[in-house]
Amino acid sequence: MSTQSFSHPIFIIGAGPIGLAAAAHLSHQGLPFSILEAGPDIGTHIQTWSHVKMFSNWEYNIDPVAAAQLRQSGWEHPEAEAFPTGHDLLEYYLRPLAALPTISENLYLEYQVISISRQGIDKMTTTDRQLSPFEVIVQTPTGRRRFLAAAVLDATGVWGQPNSMFSAGHPHDSLIERVTHTIPNFRQETNRYANQRLAIIGSGHSALTALMGAVALKKDYPETDIHWIIRKTDVVEAFGGEENDQLAERGQLGSTARTLVESGLVTVHSGFKVAQTASTNEDISLISTDHRQLTVQEIIVLTGNRPDFTFLREIRLDVDFITESTRQLAPLIDPNLHSCGTVRPHGEAELRQPEKNFYIIGSKSYGRAPTFLLTTGYEQIRSIVAHLTGDTISAKQIWLKLPETGVCRISATEASSSCC
């Protein structure tokens, strides 16, 4: 239990896997907390990829403290070696976790955080800053409200802020109806994708998963024409470690992608850096920096995501100017050097911000780097909550072991590609 007293609750922003795990840890330590979720339900972003099978098994997707609390309610841990879909993660883990009384009583849906600052103090003011509670402005179903918080854990993630299809990173908005940034559920969207010419842009594991779905669609609708656009000059780099990957499901993705390419079911456009587009009523032309041109009807962009800092304008942040991750974390997660399994476990010290008791956790702490695993986020939470309780020794310890593999390592030109 906590040895410190808090005059205000700790605010968790986001009710996804990381936010709910943070709630479990705070509950376990007896610390007051509130979870603010912008969506109408928990795991809102997961619902957009509920049909997708994860490449990490249950062992790496469930927080140990959360599991211990769930068992007390009669919950049974899924088979550790099985691979859940997004739907499974939500229904068999996150919903039961959110339903625990200690969590559900402190969970607020459709609470959109608009701004965070210190009480009566903007970013420019230093005097008494660390002694002042956080002031959180929230749009609620009944109007805008103001809350005070002793600490803030930003677990909003990066999903929903996709990177551009353009190699220079410029935004695109004129093709919204023909572009998706999520892995389609091809079985349910045959009216959109069947017998169409499709472009899948990206070389990470989300792109590989989309390729598999598109080829499955092609079996029933043989006129479906699949084009895979990657910035890499050699498609072999996108296949990863295959059988050498210690996360077997992830390795299988690469092996399957290789088979699809070699069979001719997928046309690869390597070294294709999209510079601009041109569209008609029916077609979209993708034009590369070396003036190649590809005409398609639908575009699936899976080039990773980026963090949203707009509601943190009054918070003193130390963010790496390249990865947009927490600055001290940046050299540990550089995708040019590290894979999901070779990122060194880290905790409170690496996530600490100039703003005392404010932390960015989970995938958002990695910024644009694609090397995040849920189990890494759970270790972040354990360390931060230990620090908040005054247990600095535990906060500095590492309680996590990751599977070592280099399959997620990517080139500098594709550092934004989705990986883990």
Protein backbone atom coordinates (compact mmCIF):
# COMPACT_ATOMS: atom_id res chain seq x y z
CA MET A 1 0.00 0.00 0.00
CA SER A 2 1.08 3.57 -0.60
CA THR A 3 3.07 5.35 2.08
CA GLN A 4 2.23 8.74 0.54
CA SER A 5 -0.99 10.72 0.77
CA PHE A 6 -2.55 12.44 -2.23
CA SER A 7 -4.95 15.34 -1.82
CA HIS A 8 -6.17 14.81 -5.39
CA PRO A 9 -6.58 11.68 -7.53
CA ILE A 10 -4.10 10.55 -10.14
CA PHE A 11 -5.58 10.98 -13.60
CA ILE A 12 -5.14 8.29 -16.24
CA ILE A 13 -5.97 9.47 -19.74
CA GLY A 14 -7.11 6.60 -21.95
CA ALA A 15 -8.89 3.32 -21.14
CA GLY A 16 -6.95 0.98 -23.38
CA PRO A 17 -4.66 -1.86 -22.23
CA ILE A 18 -2.07 0.51 -20.74
CA GLY A 19 -4.53 2.85 -19.05
CA LEU A 20 -6.50 0.01 -17.48
CA ALA A 21 -3.31 -1.70 -16.32
CA ALA A 22 -2.26 1.58 -14.70
CA ALA A 23 -5.60 1.62 -12.89
CA ALA A 24 -4.97 -1.91 -11.61
CA HIS A 25 -1.54 -0.93 -10.26
CA LEU A 26 -2.83 2.23 -8.59
CA SER A 27 -5.74 0.30 -7.10
CA HIS A 28 -3.35 -2.34 -5.79
CA GLN A 29 -1.33 0.37 -4.04
CA GLY A 30 -4.40 2.09 -2.62
CA LEU A 31 -3.82 5.30 -4.57
CA PRO A 32 -6.84 7.40 -5.62
CA PHE A 33 -7.33 7.61 -9.39
CA SER A 34 -9.72 8.44 -12.20
CA ILE A 35 -9.63 7.11 -15.78
CA LEU A 36 -10.78 9.51 -18.47
CA GLU A 37 -11.70 7.90 -21.79
CA ALA A 38 -12.65 10.07 -24.76
CA GLY A 39 -14.57 7.30 -26.49
CA PRO A 40 -17.97 5.84 -25.63
CA ASP A 41 -16.40 2.55 -24.57
CA ILE A 42 -13.12 1.14 -23.35
CA GLY A 43 -10.60 0.02 -25.95
CA THR A 44 -12.16 2.22 -28.62
CA HIS A 45 -9.15 1.99 -30.89
CA ILE A 46 -8.87 -1.78 -30.49
CA GLN A 47 -12.36 -2.12 -31.89
CA THR A 48 -11.09 -0.80 -35.24
CA TRP A 49 -8.79 -3.82 -35.55
CA SER A 50 -10.80 -6.38 -33.59
CA HIS A 51 -10.58 -8.87 -36.48
CA VAL A 52 -6.77 -8.81 -36.53
CA LYS A 53 -4.76 -11.59 -34.89
CA MET A 54 -1.94 -10.29 -32.69
CA PHE A 55 1.58 -11.64 -33.24
CA SER A 56 2.34 -11.59 -29.50
CA ASN A 57 0.70 -14.31 -27.43
CA TRP A 58 -1.34 -13.85 -24.26
CA GLU A 59 1.81 -14.13 -22.15
CA TYR A 60 2.96 -10.74 -23.41
CA ASN A 61 -0.45 -9.05 -23.46
CA ILE A 62 -1.70 -9.33 -19.88
CA ASP A 63 -0.37 -7.29 -16.99
CA PRO A 64 0.56 -9.47 -13.97
CA VAL A 65 -1.01 -7.19 -11.35
CA ALA A 66 -4.19 -6.89 -13.37
CA ALA A 67 -4.28 -10.68 -13.78
CA ALA A 68 -3.95 -11.20 -10.03
CA GLN A 69 -6.92 -8.91 -9.37
CA LEU A 70 -8.98 -10.60 -12.06
CA ARG A 71 -8.34 -14.06 -10.61
CA GLN A 72 -9.85 -12.92 -7.33
CA SER A 73 -13.12 -12.34 -9.22
CA GLY A 74 -13.09 -15.87 -10.70
CA TRP A 75 -11.50 -14.94 -14.03
CA GLU A 76 -9.37 -17.56 -15.74
CA HIS A 77 -6.18 -16.63 -17.56
CA PRO A 78 -6.34 -17.48 -21.29
CA GLU A 79 -3.89 -20.06 -22.56
CA ALA A 80 -0.53 -18.26 -22.37
CA GLU A 81 0.74 -19.52 -25.72
CA ALA A 82 -2.43 -18.71 -27.68
CA PHE A 83 -2.59 -15.64 -29.92
CA PRO A 84 -5.56 -13.34 -29.35
CA THR A 85 -7.31 -11.16 -31.88
CA GLY A 86 -8.16 -7.59 -30.97
CA HIS A 87 -11.67 -8.87 -30.17
CA ASP A 88 -10.24 -11.49 -27.82
CA LEU A 89 -8.05 -8.93 -26.05
CA LEU A 90 -11.07 -6.75 -25.48
CA GLU A 91 -13.62 -9.37 -24.48
CA TYR A 92 -11.52 -11.82 -22.47
CA TYR A 93 -9.20 -9.39 -20.72
CA LEU A 94 -9.99 -5.67 -20.94
CA ARG A 95 -13.76 -5.80 -20.36
CA PRO A 96 -13.45 -8.03 -17.26
CA LEU A 97 -10.67 -5.77 -16.00
CA ALA A 98 -12.70 -2.61 -16.52
CA ALA A 99 -15.67 -4.26 -14.77
CA LEU A 100 -13.78 -4.76 -11.50
CA PRO A 101 -15.49 -2.50 -8.93
CA THR A 102 -12.26 -0.78 -7.96
CA ILE A 103 -11.81 0.27 -11.59
CA SER A 104 -15.36 0.68 -12.92
CA GLU A 105 -16.24 3.10 -10.10
CA ASN A 106 -13.45 5.40 -11.27
CA LEU A 107 -13.91 5.08 -15.04
CA TYR A 108 -15.45 7.96 -16.98
CA LEU A 109 -16.43 7.46 -20.63
CA GLU A 110 -16.80 10.25 -23.19
CA TYR A 111 -14.51 12.45 -21.13
CA GLN A 112 -12.30 14.19 -23.69
CA VAL A 113 -9.28 15.97 -22.20
CA ILE A 114 -8.97 19.41 -23.78
CA SER A 115 -6.01 20.85 -21.90
CA ILE A 116 -3.70 20.16 -18.95
CA SER A 117 -1.78 22.75 -16.97
CA ARG A 118 -0.89 23.54 -13.38
CA GLN A 119 -3.59 25.15 -11.27
CA GLY A 120 -3.59 28.81 -12.19
CA ILE A 121 -0.11 28.53 -13.74
CA ASP A 122 0.78 28.40 -17.42
CA LYS A 123 3.91 26.89 -18.95
CA MET A 124 5.93 30.11 -18.53
CA THR A 125 5.54 30.29 -14.74
CA THR A 126 8.10 28.55 -12.52
CA THR A 127 7.33 29.86 -9.02
CA ASP A 128 5.43 27.24 -6.96
CA ARG A 129 5.01 25.13 -10.08
CA GLN A 130 5.95 21.76 -8.60
CA LEU A 131 3.76 22.41 -5.56
CA SER A 132 0.62 23.11 -7.58
CA PRO A 133 -1.79 20.34 -8.62
CA PHE A 134 -2.54 19.71 -12.25
CA GLU A 135 -5.58 21.45 -13.68
CA VAL A 136 -7.37 19.29 -16.26
CA ILE A 137 -10.03 20.71 -18.56
CA VAL A 138 -12.39 18.00 -19.82
CA GLN A 139 -15.28 17.99 -22.26
CA THR A 140 -17.88 15.71 -20.66
CA PRO A 141 -21.35 14.59 -21.81
CA THR A 142 -22.80 17.36 -19.65
CA GLY A 143 -20.41 20.12 -20.66
CA ARG A 144 -16.88 21.32 -20.01
CA ARG A 145 -15.51 20.74 -16.50
CA ARG A 146 -12.33 21.44 -14.56
CA PHE A 147 -10.58 18.88 -12.36
CA LEU A 148 -7.49 18.88 -10.15
CA ALA A 149 -5.04 15.98 -10.21
CA ALA A 150 -1.99 15.05 -8.15
CA ALA A 151 -0.36 13.30 -11.10
CA VAL A 152 -1.21 12.56 -14.73
CA LEU A 153 -0.47 9.43 -16.75
CA ASP A 154 -1.00 10.02 -20.46
CA ALA A 155 -1.93 6.62 -21.96
CA THR A 156 -3.69 7.97 -25.05
CA GLY A 157 -1.45 6.01 -27.42
CA VAL A 158 -0.84 6.93 -31.05
CA TRP A 159 -3.66 5.11 -32.83
CA GLY A 160 -5.83 7.51 -34.78
CA GLN A 161 -2.94 9.85 -35.69
CA PRO A 162 -1.59 8.02 -38.76
CA ASN A 163 1.56 8.91 -40.64
CA SER A 164 1.19 10.10 -44.21
CA MET A 165 1.49 7.99 -47.35
CA PHE A 166 3.90 10.61 -48.70
CA SER A 167 7.59 9.88 -48.16
CA ALA A 168 8.17 13.51 -47.11
CA GLY A 169 5.48 13.20 -44.43
CA HIS A 170 3.13 15.84 -45.82
CA PRO A 171 -0.55 15.43 -44.91
CA HIS A 172 -3.14 14.43 -47.46
CA ASP A 173 -6.83 15.19 -47.22
CA SER A 174 -8.28 15.16 -50.71
CA LEU A 175 -8.59 11.37 -50.96
CA ILE A 176 -10.16 10.60 -47.60
CA GLU A 177 -12.95 8.43 -49.03
CA ARG A 178 -10.47 6.20 -50.86
CA VAL A 179 -7.79 5.94 -48.20
CA THR A 180 -7.89 3.87 -45.01
CA HIS A 181 -5.27 3.81 -42.27
CA THR A 182 -6.43 0.61 -40.59
CA ILE A 183 -6.22 -3.04 -41.60
CA PRO A 184 -9.50 -3.65 -43.45
CA ASN A 185 -11.84 -6.44 -42.54
CA PHE A 186 -11.93 -7.65 -46.14
CA ARG A 187 -14.62 -10.26 -45.45
CA GLN A 188 -17.04 -7.56 -44.31
CA GLU A 189 -16.00 -4.91 -46.85
CA THR A 190 -16.28 -6.81 -50.10
CA ASN A 191 -18.35 -4.02 -51.65
CA ARG A 192 -15.39 -1.71 -51.26
CA TYR A 193 -12.39 -3.91 -52.02
CA ALA A 194 -13.52 -6.91 -54.10
CA ASN A 195 -12.28 -6.92 -57.71
CA GLN A 196 -10.63 -3.55 -57.19
CA ARG A 197 -7.03 -2.49 -57.79
CA LEU A 198 -5.58 -2.05 -54.32
CA ALA A 199 -2.41 -0.35 -53.11
CA ILE A 200 -1.07 -1.37 -49.69
CA ILE A 201 1.58 1.11 -48.54
CA GLY A 202 4.00 0.17 -45.75
CA SER A 203 6.44 -2.57 -44.84
CA GLY A 204 5.68 -3.28 -41.20
CA HIS A 205 3.62 -6.06 -39.72
CA SER A 206 0.33 -4.24 -40.18
CA ALA A 207 1.04 -4.06 -43.91
CA LEU A 208 1.93 -7.76 -44.02
CA THR A 209 -1.32 -8.60 -42.25
CA ALA A 210 -3.27 -6.51 -44.77
CA LEU A 211 -1.54 -8.33 -47.62
CA MET A 212 -2.71 -11.66 -46.25
CA GLY A 213 -6.27 -10.39 -45.97
CA ALA A 214 -6.25 -8.99 -49.49
CA VAL A 215 -4.96 -12.27 -50.94
CA ALA A 216 -7.70 -14.17 -49.09
CA LEU A 217 -10.20 -11.81 -50.71
CA LYS A 218 -8.63 -12.45 -54.11
CA LYS A 219 -9.36 -16.17 -53.81
CA ASP A 220 -13.09 -15.40 -53.86
CA TYR A 221 -12.82 -12.38 -56.14
CA PRO A 222 -10.01 -13.19 -58.59
CA GLU A 223 -10.12 -9.82 -60.35
CA THR A 224 -8.77 -8.18 -57.19
CA ASP A 225 -5.38 -6.70 -58.12
CA ILE A 226 -2.98 -6.25 -55.18
CA HIS A 227 -0.01 -3.87 -55.26
CA TRP A 228 2.43 -3.58 -52.37
CA ILE A 229 4.29 -0.26 -52.18
CA ILE A 230 7.39 -0.10 -49.99
CA ARG A 231 10.14 2.46 -49.62
CA LYS A 232 12.73 -0.24 -49.05
CA THR A 233 14.84 -1.01 -52.11
CA ASP A 234 14.85 -4.74 -51.36
CA VAL A 235 11.57 -6.41 -50.46
CA VAL A 236 13.45 -9.16 -48.61
CA GLU A 237 14.09 -6.65 -45.80
CA ALA A 238 10.35 -6.52 -45.14
CA PHE A 239 10.13 -10.26 -44.46
CA GLY A 240 12.01 -9.90 -41.17
CA GLY A 241 13.48 -12.81 -39.23
CA GLU A 242 10.85 -15.35 -40.35
CA GLU A 243 11.67 -18.70 -38.68
CA ASN A 244 14.35 -17.05 -36.51
CA ASP A 245 11.84 -14.78 -34.76
CA GLN A 246 11.23 -15.81 -31.14
CA LEU A 247 7.68 -14.52 -31.53
CA ALA A 248 6.64 -17.27 -33.94
CA GLU A 249 3.44 -15.63 -35.15
CA ARG A 250 5.34 -12.51 -36.11
CA GLY A 251 7.93 -14.57 -37.96
CA GLN A 252 5.17 -16.41 -39.80
CA LEU A 253 3.85 -13.11 -41.15
CA GLY A 254 7.14 -12.53 -42.93
CA SER A 255 7.30 -16.06 -44.28
CA THR A 256 3.75 -15.84 -45.60
CA ALA A 257 4.47 -12.48 -47.24
CA ARG A 258 7.46 -14.00 -48.99
CA THR A 259 5.30 -16.82 -50.33
CA LEU A 260 2.66 -14.41 -51.60
CA VAL A 261 5.24 -12.32 -53.42
CA GLU A 262 7.01 -15.32 -54.93
CA SER A 263 3.67 -16.77 -56.10
CA GLY A 264 2.85 -13.61 -58.03
CA LEU A 265 -0.35 -12.95 -56.09
CA VAL A 266 1.10 -9.62 -55.02
CA THR A 267 2.92 -7.11 -57.21
CA VAL A 268 5.74 -5.38 -55.35
CA HIS A 269 6.85 -1.82 -56.04
CA SER A 270 10.07 -1.48 -54.06
CA GLY A 271 11.88 1.80 -53.59
CA PHE A 272 8.58 3.54 -54.38
CA LYS A 273 8.45 6.76 -52.37
CA VAL A 274 5.09 8.42 -52.89
CA ALA A 275 5.56 12.11 -53.72
CA GLN A 276 2.12 13.13 -54.96
CA THR A 277 -1.24 11.89 -56.12
CA ALA A 278 -3.68 12.66 -58.91
CA SER A 279 -7.28 11.50 -58.94
CA THR A 280 -10.31 11.13 -61.18
CA ASN A 281 -13.81 10.02 -60.31
CA GLU A 282 -12.77 6.37 -60.34
CA ASP A 283 -8.98 6.14 -60.11
CA ILE A 284 -6.08 7.45 -58.05
CA SER A 285 -2.59 7.79 -59.47
CA LEU A 286 0.32 7.47 -57.07
CA ILE A 287 3.45 9.21 -58.33
CA SER A 288 6.84 8.40 -56.86
CA THR A 289 9.82 10.67 -56.33
CA ASP A 290 11.51 8.97 -59.31
CA HIS A 291 8.42 9.62 -61.47
CA ARG A 292 6.98 6.13 -61.52
CA GLN A 293 3.19 6.04 -61.59
CA LEU A 294 0.66 3.49 -60.33
CA THR A 295 -3.11 3.82 -60.80
CA VAL A 296 -5.43 2.16 -58.26
CA GLN A 297 -8.96 2.43 -56.87
CA GLU A 298 -8.28 2.01 -53.15
CA ILE A 299 -5.29 2.83 -50.93
CA ILE A 300 -4.48 1.17 -47.61
CA VAL A 301 -1.84 3.24 -45.80
CA LEU A 302 -0.08 1.38 -42.96
CA THR A 303 3.01 3.49 -42.33
CA GLY A 304 2.67 3.83 -38.58
CA ASN A 305 1.27 6.49 -36.28
CA ARG A 306 2.42 9.52 -34.36
CA PRO A 307 1.59 11.05 -30.94
CA ASP A 308 -0.84 13.92 -30.33
CA PHE A 309 0.53 16.67 -28.09
CA THR A 310 -2.14 19.29 -28.77
CA PHE A 311 -3.73 19.05 -25.29
CA LEU A 312 -0.31 19.24 -23.62
CA ARG A 313 0.65 22.72 -24.81
CA GLU A 314 0.88 24.01 -21.22
CA ILE A 315 2.89 21.05 -19.93
CA ARG A 316 6.68 21.25 -19.87
CA LEU A 317 7.67 18.30 -22.03
CA ASP A 318 11.06 16.93 -23.01
CA VAL A 319 10.39 15.21 -26.34
CA ASP A 320 12.99 13.93 -28.80
CA PHE A 321 12.92 16.02 -31.96
CA ILE A 322 13.32 12.98 -34.23
CA THR A 323 11.28 10.13 -32.77
CA GLU A 324 8.84 12.37 -30.84
CA SER A 325 9.32 9.98 -27.93
CA THR A 326 10.29 10.88 -24.38
CA ARG A 327 13.82 12.23 -24.87
CA GLN A 328 15.66 9.90 -22.49
CA LEU A 329 13.93 6.96 -24.11
CA ALA A 330 14.86 7.88 -27.67
CA PRO A 331 18.34 6.27 -27.85
CA LEU A 332 16.93 3.06 -26.35
CA ILE A 333 14.16 2.63 -28.93
CA ASP A 334 15.75 3.97 -32.11
CA PRO A 335 14.26 1.65 -34.76
CA ASN A 336 17.46 1.90 -36.77
CA LEU A 337 19.20 0.04 -33.95
CA HIS A 338 16.54 -1.85 -32.04
CA SER A 339 13.71 -4.29 -32.59
CA CYS A 340 10.73 -4.95 -30.33
CA GLY A 341 12.78 -7.53 -28.47
CA THR A 342 16.09 -5.68 -28.24
CA VAL A 343 14.72 -2.50 -26.65
CA ARG A 344 16.15 -2.46 -23.14
CA PRO A 345 13.47 -2.57 -20.43
CA HIS A 346 13.03 0.82 -18.85
CA GLY A 347 10.91 2.61 -16.31
CA GLU A 348 10.24 5.80 -14.38
CA ALA A 349 13.71 7.29 -14.74
CA GLU A 350 13.65 7.15 -18.55
CA LEU A 351 10.05 8.40 -18.72
CA ARG A 352 10.46 11.28 -16.27
CA GLN A 353 9.46 14.69 -17.60
CA PRO A 354 10.48 18.20 -16.44
CA GLU A 355 6.87 18.43 -15.19
CA LYS A 356 6.96 16.50 -11.91
CA ASN A 357 4.44 13.64 -11.71
CA PHE A 358 3.50 13.88 -15.36
CA TYR A 359 4.27 10.80 -17.47
CA ILE A 360 3.64 9.72 -21.03
CA ILE A 361 3.27 5.94 -20.97
CA GLY A 362 2.61 3.12 -23.40
CA SER A 363 2.99 3.45 -27.15
CA LYS A 364 2.81 7.25 -26.98
CA SER A 365 6.04 7.27 -24.96
CA TYR A 366 7.70 5.72 -28.04
CA GLY A 367 6.51 8.54 -30.31
CA ARG A 368 6.88 7.44 -33.94
CA ALA A 369 9.14 4.49 -33.10
CA PRO A 370 7.33 1.22 -33.98
CA THR A 371 9.07 -1.05 -31.48
CA PHE A 372 6.48 -1.05 -28.66
CA LEU A 373 5.06 -4.17 -27.01
CA LEU A 374 2.28 -4.16 -24.42
CA THR A 375 4.45 -6.00 -21.92
CA THR A 376 6.94 -3.13 -22.11
CA GLY A 377 4.18 -0.69 -21.20
CA TYR A 378 3.18 -2.80 -18.21
CA GLU A 379 6.74 -2.60 -16.91
CA GLN A 380 6.66 1.18 -17.37
CA ILE A 381 3.55 1.34 -15.20
CA ARG A 382 4.98 -0.86 -12.47
CA SER A 383 8.04 1.34 -12.17
CA ILE A 384 6.14 4.64 -12.22
CA VAL A 385 3.58 3.56 -9.62
CA ALA A 386 6.41 2.31 -7.40
CA HIS A 387 8.01 5.74 -7.68
CA LEU A 388 4.73 7.49 -6.85
CA THR A 389 4.43 5.40 -3.68
CA GLY A 390 7.95 6.38 -2.64
CA ASP A 391 9.47 2.96 -3.37
CA THR A 392 12.45 4.28 -5.33
CA ILE A 393 14.36 0.99 -5.07
CA SER A 394 11.60 -0.98 -6.80
CA ALA A 395 11.14 1.81 -9.34
CA LYS A 396 14.74 1.42 -10.47
CA GLN A 397 14.59 -2.36 -10.79
CA ILE A 398 13.81 -4.20 -14.03
CA TRP A 399 11.23 -6.96 -13.79
CA LEU A 400 10.85 -7.68 -17.47
CA LYS A 401 12.40 -10.11 -19.93
CA LEU A 402 11.67 -9.71 -23.63
CA PRO A 403 12.15 -12.16 -26.50
CA GLU A 404 15.30 -11.19 -28.35
CA THR A 405 14.87 -10.80 -32.10
CA GLY A 406 16.01 -8.42 -34.78
CA VAL A 407 13.03 -8.79 -37.06
CA CYS A 408 11.59 -5.39 -36.33
CA ARG A 409 14.73 -3.50 -37.22
CA ILE A 410 14.01 -1.22 -40.14
CA SER A 411 15.85 1.25 -42.28
CA ALA A 412 16.02 4.96 -41.54
CA THR A 413 13.84 5.69 -44.56
CA GLU A 414 11.02 3.57 -43.10
CA ALA A 415 11.36 4.48 -39.45
CA SER A 416 7.66 5.26 -39.24
CA SER A 417 6.47 1.87 -40.47
CA SER A 418 4.23 -0.08 -38.18
CA CYS A 419 6.07 -2.90 -36.49
CA CYS A 420 4.85 -4.12 -33.17
